[in-house]
Amino acid sequence: MGCASSSAAAATQPPASEPTSSAQVTLVTGEIVQKPSEKGMPRRTKAFFAKLDKDKDNRVTLTELQSGFEKEFKGQLRPHAKDAIVELFEAHAKEDAVGKSLKPGSFNRFYAEILFRHFDANNNGTLQLEEAQEALKFLYPTKDGAKPDVNVAFPDSAKTESGEFALPKGWFFMTYQAVE
């Protein structure tokens, strides 16, 4: 199992038994740290859905999604993630007598996709090391709001030929599902 530091200039790596820690996130290549949840939506996602569902009808509209994500990210949701809200809503929302909306089952994947797109700051379809660290700090908040220490595992294949990290969407979705 190899280790990685967020410093691109790191010339040597410590032994595998001593992962490096930088910006409060420890990155370790190799095995998955925690198996994805079998319980469906993570608690954080359920709570966000409930917050968005103002009228408590177990569905969220495009308007509820747009205003909710703006509040969640304090007006800092990246433009390509904002655009994706409309795009993904149109692709996955169901129309019924009340109108078009997402129900909890569809919302789980929708939320993960919007989060991935937001944290993929350069919009290249993968998360670089700094983007992954930002995403993990968001996914693993503490009750006092402090940025947590997070252990992360990712496949050796996530390292490019140039030594950069390019974590695929699948890695993010597995990590997202593992959040309790």
N, C-alpha and C. Protein backbone atom coordinates (compact mmCIF):
# COMPACT_ATOMS: atom_id res chain seq x y z
N MET A 1 0.86 -1.18 0.00
CA MET A 1 0.00 0.00 0.00
C MET A 1 0.89 1.22 0.00
N GLY A 2 0.70 2.12 -0.94
CA GLY A 2 1.50 3.33 -1.03
C GLY A 2 0.83 4.49 -0.35
N CYS A 3 1.59 5.53 -0.15
CA CYS A 3 1.05 6.72 0.52
C CYS A 3 1.24 7.92 -0.37
N ALA A 4 0.46 8.94 -0.11
CA ALA A 4 0.58 10.16 -0.91
C ALA A 4 0.42 11.37 -0.03
N SER A 5 1.12 12.40 -0.39
CA SER A 5 1.01 13.68 0.30
C SER A 5 0.45 14.68 -0.69
N SER A 6 -0.18 15.73 -0.17
CA SER A 6 -0.72 16.74 -1.07
C SER A 6 0.38 17.60 -1.67
N SER A 7 1.58 17.48 -1.20
CA SER A 7 2.68 18.27 -1.73
C SER A 7 3.21 17.62 -3.01
N ALA A 8 3.11 18.34 -4.11
CA ALA A 8 3.60 17.81 -5.38
C ALA A 8 5.12 17.71 -5.38
N ALA A 9 5.77 18.44 -4.51
CA ALA A 9 7.22 18.47 -4.48
C ALA A 9 7.82 17.40 -3.56
N ALA A 10 7.01 16.58 -2.95
CA ALA A 10 7.53 15.57 -2.03
C ALA A 10 8.43 14.60 -2.78
N ALA A 11 9.68 14.50 -2.36
CA ALA A 11 10.64 13.66 -3.07
C ALA A 11 10.61 12.22 -2.59
N THR A 12 10.28 12.01 -1.34
CA THR A 12 10.26 10.66 -0.80
C THR A 12 8.93 10.40 -0.13
N GLN A 13 8.62 9.14 -0.03
CA GLN A 13 7.39 8.75 0.64
C GLN A 13 7.74 7.97 1.90
N PRO A 14 6.98 8.15 2.99
CA PRO A 14 7.24 7.39 4.20
C PRO A 14 6.83 5.93 4.00
N PRO A 15 7.24 5.06 4.91
CA PRO A 15 6.83 3.67 4.81
C PRO A 15 5.31 3.56 4.81
N ALA A 16 4.81 2.48 4.23
CA ALA A 16 3.35 2.28 4.10
C ALA A 16 2.64 2.30 5.44
N SER A 17 3.31 1.94 6.51
CA SER A 17 2.66 1.91 7.82
C SER A 17 2.47 3.31 8.39
N GLU A 18 3.06 4.32 7.76
CA GLU A 18 2.94 5.69 8.25
C GLU A 18 2.37 6.60 7.17
N PRO A 19 1.01 6.64 7.02
CA PRO A 19 0.45 7.52 6.00
C PRO A 19 0.75 8.97 6.31
N THR A 20 0.89 9.77 5.27
CA THR A 20 1.14 11.19 5.48
C THR A 20 -0.18 11.92 5.69
N SER A 21 -0.11 13.03 6.37
CA SER A 21 -1.31 13.82 6.61
C SER A 21 -1.04 15.24 6.19
N SER A 22 -1.93 15.79 5.40
CA SER A 22 -1.79 17.15 4.94
C SER A 22 -3.18 17.76 4.84
N ALA A 23 -3.33 18.99 5.26
CA ALA A 23 -4.62 19.68 5.20
C ALA A 23 -5.71 18.84 5.85
N GLN A 24 -5.37 18.15 6.90
CA GLN A 24 -6.29 17.35 7.70
C GLN A 24 -6.90 16.17 6.97
N VAL A 25 -6.34 15.75 5.85
CA VAL A 25 -6.84 14.59 5.13
C VAL A 25 -5.67 13.65 4.89
N THR A 26 -5.82 12.39 5.27
CA THR A 26 -4.79 11.40 5.04
C THR A 26 -5.17 10.58 3.82
N LEU A 27 -4.29 10.50 2.85
CA LEU A 27 -4.55 9.74 1.64
C LEU A 27 -3.67 8.50 1.62
N VAL A 28 -4.29 7.37 1.40
CA VAL A 28 -3.58 6.10 1.37
C VAL A 28 -4.06 5.33 0.16
N THR A 29 -3.16 4.88 -0.70
CA THR A 29 -3.58 4.09 -1.85
C THR A 29 -3.76 2.65 -1.41
N GLY A 30 -4.60 1.94 -2.10
CA GLY A 30 -4.79 0.53 -1.80
C GLY A 30 -6.24 0.16 -1.64
N GLU A 31 -6.60 -0.33 -0.49
CA GLU A 31 -7.93 -0.86 -0.24
C GLU A 31 -8.93 0.21 0.20
N ILE A 32 -10.20 -0.11 0.02
CA ILE A 32 -11.27 0.78 0.48
C ILE A 32 -11.28 0.77 2.01
N VAL A 33 -11.37 1.95 2.63
CA VAL A 33 -11.35 2.05 4.08
C VAL A 33 -12.66 1.57 4.69
N GLN A 34 -13.76 1.97 4.10
CA GLN A 34 -15.06 1.63 4.65
C GLN A 34 -15.98 1.23 3.51
N LYS A 35 -16.71 0.14 3.70
CA LYS A 35 -17.64 -0.34 2.69
C LYS A 35 -18.79 0.65 2.56
N PRO A 36 -19.28 0.88 1.33
CA PRO A 36 -20.42 1.77 1.18
C PRO A 36 -21.63 1.29 1.97
N SER A 37 -22.42 2.23 2.43
CA SER A 37 -23.61 1.93 3.22
C SER A 37 -24.59 1.07 2.45
N GLU A 38 -25.16 0.10 3.11
CA GLU A 38 -26.19 -0.74 2.52
C GLU A 38 -27.58 -0.19 2.86
N LYS A 39 -27.63 0.87 3.65
CA LYS A 39 -28.90 1.38 4.18
C LYS A 39 -29.59 2.39 3.28
N GLY A 40 -29.10 2.61 2.08
CA GLY A 40 -29.72 3.60 1.22
C GLY A 40 -29.03 4.94 1.35
N MET A 41 -29.81 6.00 1.50
CA MET A 41 -29.24 7.34 1.57
C MET A 41 -28.47 7.57 2.86
N PRO A 42 -27.31 8.22 2.74
CA PRO A 42 -26.60 8.63 3.96
C PRO A 42 -27.47 9.62 4.76
N ARG A 43 -27.25 9.66 6.07
CA ARG A 43 -28.02 10.57 6.94
C ARG A 43 -27.97 12.01 6.47
N ARG A 44 -26.79 12.45 6.07
CA ARG A 44 -26.63 13.82 5.61
C ARG A 44 -27.55 14.10 4.42
N THR A 45 -27.66 13.14 3.51
CA THR A 45 -28.49 13.30 2.32
C THR A 45 -29.97 13.32 2.71
N LYS A 46 -30.36 12.44 3.62
CA LYS A 46 -31.75 12.44 4.10
C LYS A 46 -32.10 13.78 4.74
N ALA A 47 -31.20 14.30 5.55
CA ALA A 47 -31.44 15.57 6.23
C ALA A 47 -31.54 16.71 5.22
N PHE A 48 -30.70 16.69 4.19
CA PHE A 48 -30.74 17.74 3.17
C PHE A 48 -32.05 17.65 2.38
N PHE A 49 -32.46 16.44 2.04
CA PHE A 49 -33.73 16.26 1.33
C PHE A 49 -34.88 16.83 2.16
N ALA A 50 -34.88 16.50 3.45
CA ALA A 50 -35.95 17.00 4.33
C ALA A 50 -35.94 18.52 4.40
N LYS A 51 -34.76 19.12 4.41
CA LYS A 51 -34.64 20.58 4.46
C LYS A 51 -35.17 21.21 3.16
N LEU A 52 -34.90 20.56 2.03
CA LEU A 52 -35.36 21.07 0.74
C LEU A 52 -36.87 20.93 0.57
N ASP A 53 -37.41 19.86 1.11
CA ASP A 53 -38.83 19.53 0.94
C ASP A 53 -39.67 20.38 1.90
N LYS A 54 -39.78 21.66 1.59
CA LYS A 54 -40.45 22.64 2.47
C LYS A 54 -41.90 22.26 2.77
N ASP A 55 -42.62 21.76 1.79
CA ASP A 55 -44.03 21.44 2.02
C ASP A 55 -44.26 20.00 2.49
N LYS A 56 -43.17 19.27 2.73
CA LYS A 56 -43.20 17.92 3.30
C LYS A 56 -44.08 16.94 2.50
N ASP A 57 -44.01 17.03 1.16
CA ASP A 57 -44.79 16.12 0.32
C ASP A 57 -43.93 14.98 -0.23
N ASN A 58 -42.70 14.79 0.32
CA ASN A 58 -41.79 13.71 -0.03
C ASN A 58 -41.32 13.79 -1.49
N ARG A 59 -41.13 15.03 -1.94
CA ARG A 59 -40.66 15.30 -3.29
C ARG A 59 -40.03 16.69 -3.30
N VAL A 60 -39.08 16.90 -4.21
CA VAL A 60 -38.48 18.22 -4.33
C VAL A 60 -38.58 18.68 -5.78
N THR A 61 -38.92 19.94 -5.92
CA THR A 61 -39.07 20.55 -7.24
C THR A 61 -37.75 21.20 -7.66
N LEU A 62 -37.69 21.61 -8.89
CA LEU A 62 -36.50 22.28 -9.39
C LEU A 62 -36.23 23.56 -8.60
N THR A 63 -37.27 24.31 -8.31
CA THR A 63 -37.11 25.55 -7.54
C THR A 63 -36.56 25.26 -6.15
N GLU A 64 -37.08 24.22 -5.48
CA GLU A 64 -36.58 23.85 -4.15
C GLU A 64 -35.11 23.43 -4.23
N LEU A 65 -34.75 22.70 -5.27
CA LEU A 65 -33.36 22.27 -5.44
C LEU A 65 -32.42 23.45 -5.66
N GLN A 66 -32.80 24.34 -6.55
CA GLN A 66 -31.93 25.47 -6.86
C GLN A 66 -31.71 26.36 -5.64
N SER A 67 -32.77 26.69 -4.93
CA SER A 67 -32.59 27.56 -3.75
C SER A 67 -31.89 26.81 -2.63
N GLY A 68 -32.16 25.52 -2.48
CA GLY A 68 -31.52 24.73 -1.43
C GLY A 68 -30.02 24.58 -1.62
N PHE A 69 -29.59 24.32 -2.85
CA PHE A 69 -28.15 24.19 -3.11
C PHE A 69 -27.44 25.53 -2.94
N GLU A 70 -28.10 26.61 -3.33
CA GLU A 70 -27.51 27.94 -3.13
C GLU A 70 -27.27 28.19 -1.63
N LYS A 71 -28.25 27.83 -0.81
CA LYS A 71 -28.09 28.01 0.64
C LYS A 71 -27.03 27.07 1.20
N GLU A 72 -27.04 25.83 0.76
CA GLU A 72 -26.08 24.82 1.23
C GLU A 72 -24.64 25.28 1.00
N PHE A 73 -24.41 25.91 -0.14
CA PHE A 73 -23.06 26.36 -0.49
C PHE A 73 -22.89 27.86 -0.32
N LYS A 74 -23.79 28.46 0.43
CA LYS A 74 -23.70 29.88 0.77
C LYS A 74 -23.42 30.76 -0.45
N GLY A 75 -24.14 30.48 -1.53
CA GLY A 75 -23.98 31.25 -2.76
C GLY A 75 -22.71 30.96 -3.54
N GLN A 76 -21.95 29.94 -3.14
CA GLN A 76 -20.67 29.63 -3.78
C GLN A 76 -20.70 28.37 -4.65
N LEU A 77 -21.89 27.89 -5.00
CA LEU A 77 -21.98 26.71 -5.87
C LEU A 77 -21.38 27.06 -7.23
N ARG A 78 -20.48 26.24 -7.70
CA ARG A 78 -19.78 26.53 -8.96
C ARG A 78 -20.77 26.56 -10.13
N PRO A 79 -20.54 27.44 -11.10
CA PRO A 79 -21.48 27.60 -12.22
C PRO A 79 -21.82 26.30 -12.96
N HIS A 80 -20.83 25.45 -13.20
CA HIS A 80 -21.12 24.21 -13.92
C HIS A 80 -21.96 23.26 -13.06
N ALA A 81 -21.88 23.36 -11.75
CA ALA A 81 -22.74 22.56 -10.87
C ALA A 81 -24.17 23.12 -10.87
N LYS A 82 -24.30 24.45 -10.91
CA LYS A 82 -25.63 25.08 -11.02
C LYS A 82 -26.32 24.62 -12.30
N ASP A 83 -25.57 24.64 -13.40
CA ASP A 83 -26.14 24.20 -14.68
C ASP A 83 -26.55 22.73 -14.62
N ALA A 84 -25.78 21.94 -13.91
CA ALA A 84 -26.07 20.51 -13.80
C ALA A 84 -27.36 20.26 -13.03
N ILE A 85 -27.74 21.15 -12.12
CA ILE A 85 -28.99 20.96 -11.38
C ILE A 85 -30.15 20.89 -12.37
N VAL A 86 -30.19 21.83 -13.29
CA VAL A 86 -31.28 21.85 -14.28
C VAL A 86 -31.17 20.63 -15.20
N GLU A 87 -29.98 20.38 -15.71
CA GLU A 87 -29.75 19.25 -16.63
C GLU A 87 -30.15 17.91 -16.00
N LEU A 88 -29.68 17.66 -14.78
CA LEU A 88 -29.98 16.38 -14.12
C LEU A 88 -31.43 16.29 -13.67
N PHE A 89 -32.00 17.42 -13.27
CA PHE A 89 -33.41 17.42 -12.90
C PHE A 89 -34.27 17.02 -14.11
N GLU A 90 -33.99 17.63 -15.24
CA GLU A 90 -34.76 17.31 -16.46
C GLU A 90 -34.60 15.84 -16.84
N ALA A 91 -33.43 15.29 -16.62
CA ALA A 91 -33.17 13.90 -16.97
C ALA A 91 -33.79 12.89 -16.00
N HIS A 92 -33.92 13.24 -14.71
CA HIS A 92 -34.31 12.24 -13.72
C HIS A 92 -35.62 12.51 -12.98
N ALA A 93 -36.15 13.71 -13.08
CA ALA A 93 -37.40 14.01 -12.38
C ALA A 93 -38.56 13.30 -13.07
N LYS A 94 -39.55 12.97 -12.28
CA LYS A 94 -40.76 12.30 -12.79
C LYS A 94 -41.91 13.28 -12.77
N GLU A 95 -42.71 13.20 -13.81
CA GLU A 95 -43.90 14.04 -13.94
C GLU A 95 -45.09 13.26 -13.42
N ASP A 96 -45.91 13.93 -12.61
CA ASP A 96 -47.18 13.34 -12.18
C ASP A 96 -48.23 14.45 -12.14
N ALA A 97 -49.37 14.18 -11.51
CA ALA A 97 -50.47 15.15 -11.48
C ALA A 97 -50.08 16.47 -10.82
N VAL A 98 -49.13 16.42 -9.89
CA VAL A 98 -48.72 17.62 -9.17
C VAL A 98 -47.66 18.41 -9.94
N GLY A 99 -46.88 17.74 -10.75
CA GLY A 99 -45.80 18.40 -11.50
C GLY A 99 -44.56 17.53 -11.53
N LYS A 100 -43.48 18.10 -11.98
CA LYS A 100 -42.22 17.37 -12.10
C LYS A 100 -41.42 17.51 -10.80
N SER A 101 -40.88 16.39 -10.31
CA SER A 101 -40.13 16.43 -9.06
C SER A 101 -39.25 15.20 -8.92
N LEU A 102 -38.36 15.28 -7.93
CA LEU A 102 -37.52 14.14 -7.55
C LEU A 102 -38.02 13.60 -6.23
N LYS A 103 -38.08 12.29 -6.13
CA LYS A 103 -38.44 11.63 -4.87
C LYS A 103 -37.14 11.17 -4.21
N PRO A 104 -37.19 10.72 -2.96
CA PRO A 104 -35.95 10.37 -2.25
C PRO A 104 -35.01 9.42 -2.99
N GLY A 105 -35.53 8.38 -3.61
CA GLY A 105 -34.67 7.43 -4.31
C GLY A 105 -33.85 8.06 -5.42
N SER A 106 -34.45 8.93 -6.19
CA SER A 106 -33.74 9.63 -7.27
C SER A 106 -32.84 10.72 -6.72
N PHE A 107 -33.25 11.30 -5.61
CA PHE A 107 -32.48 12.41 -5.04
C PHE A 107 -31.10 11.98 -4.56
N ASN A 108 -30.97 10.77 -4.06
CA ASN A 108 -29.69 10.29 -3.53
C ASN A 108 -28.60 10.40 -4.59
N ARG A 109 -28.82 9.85 -5.75
CA ARG A 109 -27.82 9.91 -6.83
C ARG A 109 -27.67 11.35 -7.35
N PHE A 110 -28.78 12.08 -7.43
CA PHE A 110 -28.77 13.46 -7.88
C PHE A 110 -27.84 14.30 -7.00
N TYR A 111 -28.01 14.18 -5.70
CA TYR A 111 -27.20 14.93 -4.74
C TYR A 111 -25.72 14.60 -4.89
N ALA A 112 -25.41 13.31 -5.00
CA ALA A 112 -24.02 12.88 -5.17
C ALA A 112 -23.44 13.47 -6.45
N GLU A 113 -24.20 13.47 -7.51
CA GLU A 113 -23.72 13.99 -8.79
C GLU A 113 -23.46 15.50 -8.71
N ILE A 114 -24.35 16.24 -8.08
CA ILE A 114 -24.15 17.69 -7.95
C ILE A 114 -22.93 17.97 -7.07
N LEU A 115 -22.78 17.22 -5.98
CA LEU A 115 -21.60 17.41 -5.13
C LEU A 115 -20.32 17.14 -5.92
N PHE A 116 -20.30 16.04 -6.68
CA PHE A 116 -19.11 15.73 -7.47
C PHE A 116 -18.80 16.88 -8.43
N ARG A 117 -19.81 17.35 -9.11
CA ARG A 117 -19.58 18.42 -10.09
C ARG A 117 -19.10 19.70 -9.41
N HIS A 118 -19.64 19.98 -8.24
CA HIS A 118 -19.20 21.18 -7.51
C HIS A 118 -17.72 21.06 -7.12
N PHE A 119 -17.34 19.93 -6.56
CA PHE A 119 -15.96 19.78 -6.08
C PHE A 119 -14.97 19.56 -7.22
N ASP A 120 -15.45 19.15 -8.39
CA ASP A 120 -14.61 19.06 -9.58
C ASP A 120 -14.47 20.47 -10.14
N ALA A 121 -13.68 21.28 -9.45
CA ALA A 121 -13.58 22.72 -9.73
C ALA A 121 -13.20 23.03 -11.17
N ASN A 122 -12.32 22.23 -11.75
CA ASN A 122 -11.90 22.50 -13.13
C ASN A 122 -12.78 21.77 -14.14
N ASN A 123 -13.80 21.08 -13.66
CA ASN A 123 -14.83 20.44 -14.50
C ASN A 123 -14.23 19.48 -15.53
N ASN A 124 -13.22 18.69 -15.11
CA ASN A 124 -12.58 17.76 -16.03
C ASN A 124 -13.05 16.31 -15.85
N GLY A 125 -14.02 16.08 -14.95
CA GLY A 125 -14.56 14.73 -14.78
C GLY A 125 -13.85 13.88 -13.75
N THR A 126 -12.81 14.41 -13.11
CA THR A 126 -12.12 13.70 -12.03
C THR A 126 -11.81 14.71 -10.92
N LEU A 127 -11.51 14.18 -9.74
CA LEU A 127 -11.11 15.05 -8.64
C LEU A 127 -9.61 14.95 -8.44
N GLN A 128 -8.93 16.09 -8.50
CA GLN A 128 -7.52 16.13 -8.18
C GLN A 128 -7.41 16.12 -6.66
N LEU A 129 -6.20 15.98 -6.15
CA LEU A 129 -5.98 15.82 -4.72
C LEU A 129 -6.66 16.93 -3.90
N GLU A 130 -6.44 18.17 -4.27
CA GLU A 130 -7.02 19.28 -3.51
C GLU A 130 -8.55 19.28 -3.58
N GLU A 131 -9.09 18.93 -4.75
CA GLU A 131 -10.55 18.86 -4.90
C GLU A 131 -11.13 17.74 -4.03
N ALA A 132 -10.44 16.60 -4.00
CA ALA A 132 -10.89 15.48 -3.17
C ALA A 132 -10.86 15.86 -1.70
N GLN A 133 -9.81 16.57 -1.28
CA GLN A 133 -9.72 17.00 0.12
C GLN A 133 -10.88 17.93 0.47
N GLU A 134 -11.21 18.86 -0.41
CA GLU A 134 -12.33 19.77 -0.17
C GLU A 134 -13.64 18.99 -0.07
N ALA A 135 -13.83 18.04 -0.95
CA ALA A 135 -15.05 17.22 -0.93
C ALA A 135 -15.17 16.43 0.37
N LEU A 136 -14.07 15.83 0.79
CA LEU A 136 -14.11 15.01 2.00
C LEU A 136 -14.37 15.84 3.25
N LYS A 137 -13.83 17.03 3.30
CA LYS A 137 -14.10 17.90 4.44
C LYS A 137 -15.58 18.28 4.48
N PHE A 138 -16.19 18.43 3.31
CA PHE A 138 -17.62 18.71 3.24
C PHE A 138 -18.44 17.50 3.66
N LEU A 139 -18.05 16.31 3.20
CA LEU A 139 -18.81 15.09 3.48
C LEU A 139 -18.70 14.63 4.93
N TYR A 140 -17.61 14.97 5.59
CA TYR A 140 -17.37 14.51 6.96
C TYR A 140 -17.28 15.68 7.94
N PRO A 141 -18.35 16.44 8.07
CA PRO A 141 -18.29 17.58 9.01
C PRO A 141 -18.35 17.10 10.46
N THR A 142 -17.89 17.92 11.36
CA THR A 142 -18.02 17.62 12.78
C THR A 142 -19.13 18.48 13.35
N LYS A 143 -19.61 18.13 14.52
CA LYS A 143 -20.71 18.87 15.14
C LYS A 143 -20.33 20.31 15.45
N ASP A 144 -19.05 20.54 15.75
CA ASP A 144 -18.63 21.91 16.08
C ASP A 144 -18.20 22.70 14.84
N GLY A 145 -18.33 22.10 13.65
CA GLY A 145 -18.00 22.80 12.42
C GLY A 145 -16.53 22.76 12.04
N ALA A 146 -15.69 22.13 12.87
CA ALA A 146 -14.26 22.04 12.56
C ALA A 146 -14.06 21.13 11.36
N LYS A 147 -12.98 21.36 10.63
CA LYS A 147 -12.64 20.50 9.51
C LYS A 147 -12.01 19.22 10.08
N PRO A 148 -12.59 18.07 9.76
CA PRO A 148 -12.14 16.82 10.37
C PRO A 148 -10.91 16.22 9.70
N ASP A 149 -10.23 15.34 10.44
CA ASP A 149 -9.21 14.49 9.86
C ASP A 149 -9.94 13.35 9.20
N VAL A 150 -9.58 12.98 7.97
CA VAL A 150 -10.27 11.93 7.23
C VAL A 150 -9.24 11.01 6.61
N ASN A 151 -9.41 9.70 6.81
CA ASN A 151 -8.58 8.72 6.14
C ASN A 151 -9.27 8.34 4.84
N VAL A 152 -8.49 8.28 3.77
CA VAL A 152 -9.05 8.03 2.45
C VAL A 152 -8.28 6.94 1.76
N ALA A 153 -8.98 6.04 1.09
CA ALA A 153 -8.32 5.03 0.26
C ALA A 153 -8.79 5.22 -1.17
N PHE A 154 -7.89 4.99 -2.08
CA PHE A 154 -8.25 5.05 -3.49
C PHE A 154 -7.33 4.11 -4.25
N PRO A 155 -7.77 3.67 -5.42
CA PRO A 155 -6.97 2.70 -6.17
C PRO A 155 -5.67 3.31 -6.68
N ASP A 156 -4.65 2.46 -6.80
CA ASP A 156 -3.37 2.91 -7.33
C ASP A 156 -3.54 3.54 -8.71
N SER A 157 -4.54 3.09 -9.45
CA SER A 157 -4.78 3.61 -10.80
C SER A 157 -5.21 5.07 -10.81
N ALA A 158 -5.50 5.64 -9.64
CA ALA A 158 -5.91 7.04 -9.56
C ALA A 158 -4.75 8.00 -9.76
N LYS A 159 -3.56 7.49 -9.80
CA LYS A 159 -2.38 8.34 -10.02
C LYS A 159 -2.06 8.34 -11.51
N THR A 160 -1.93 9.54 -12.08
CA THR A 160 -1.62 9.66 -13.50
C THR A 160 -0.14 9.43 -13.74
N GLU A 161 0.24 9.34 -15.01
CA GLU A 161 1.66 9.15 -15.36
C GLU A 161 2.54 10.27 -14.82
N SER A 162 1.98 11.46 -14.72
CA SER A 162 2.75 12.60 -14.22
C SER A 162 2.79 12.66 -12.69
N GLY A 163 2.13 11.70 -12.02
CA GLY A 163 2.14 11.66 -10.57
C GLY A 163 1.00 12.41 -9.90
N GLU A 164 0.14 13.03 -10.70
CA GLU A 164 -1.03 13.73 -10.15
C GLU A 164 -2.11 12.72 -9.81
N PHE A 165 -3.00 13.12 -8.93
CA PHE A 165 -4.14 12.28 -8.61
C PHE A 165 -5.33 12.71 -9.44
N ALA A 166 -6.03 11.75 -10.00
CA ALA A 166 -7.24 12.01 -10.78
C ALA A 166 -8.26 10.96 -10.32
N LEU A 167 -8.98 11.29 -9.27
CA LEU A 167 -9.92 10.34 -8.69
C LEU A 167 -11.22 10.34 -9.47
N PRO A 168 -11.65 9.18 -9.96
CA PRO A 168 -12.83 9.11 -10.81
C PRO A 168 -14.14 9.27 -10.03
N LYS A 169 -15.17 9.52 -10.77
CA LYS A 169 -16.50 9.71 -10.20
C LYS A 169 -16.90 8.49 -9.35
N GLY A 170 -16.56 7.29 -9.80
CA GLY A 170 -16.90 6.07 -9.05
C GLY A 170 -16.30 6.08 -7.65
N TRP A 171 -15.06 6.56 -7.52
CA TRP A 171 -14.43 6.67 -6.20
C TRP A 171 -15.24 7.61 -5.32
N PHE A 172 -15.62 8.76 -5.88
CA PHE A 172 -16.40 9.72 -5.11
C PHE A 172 -17.73 9.13 -4.67
N PHE A 173 -18.42 8.43 -5.57
CA PHE A 173 -19.73 7.87 -5.22
C PHE A 173 -19.62 6.80 -4.13
N MET A 174 -18.57 5.99 -4.17
CA MET A 174 -18.38 4.99 -3.11
C MET A 174 -18.11 5.69 -1.78
N THR A 175 -17.29 6.73 -1.79
CA THR A 175 -16.98 7.48 -0.58
C THR A 175 -18.24 8.16 -0.05
N TYR A 176 -19.00 8.75 -0.94
CA TYR A 176 -20.27 9.42 -0.59
C TYR A 176 -21.22 8.43 0.10
N GLN A 177 -21.37 7.24 -0.46
CA GLN A 177 -22.28 6.23 0.11
C GLN A 177 -21.79 5.73 1.47
N ALA A 178 -20.48 5.80 1.72
CA ALA A 178 -19.93 5.31 2.98
C ALA A 178 -20.17 6.29 4.13
N VAL A 179 -20.53 7.52 3.80
CA VAL A 179 -20.76 8.54 4.83
C VAL A 179 -21.99 8.18 5.63
N GLU A 180 -21.89 8.25 6.92
CA GLU A 180 -23.05 7.95 7.78
C GLU A 180 -23.73 9.18 8.24
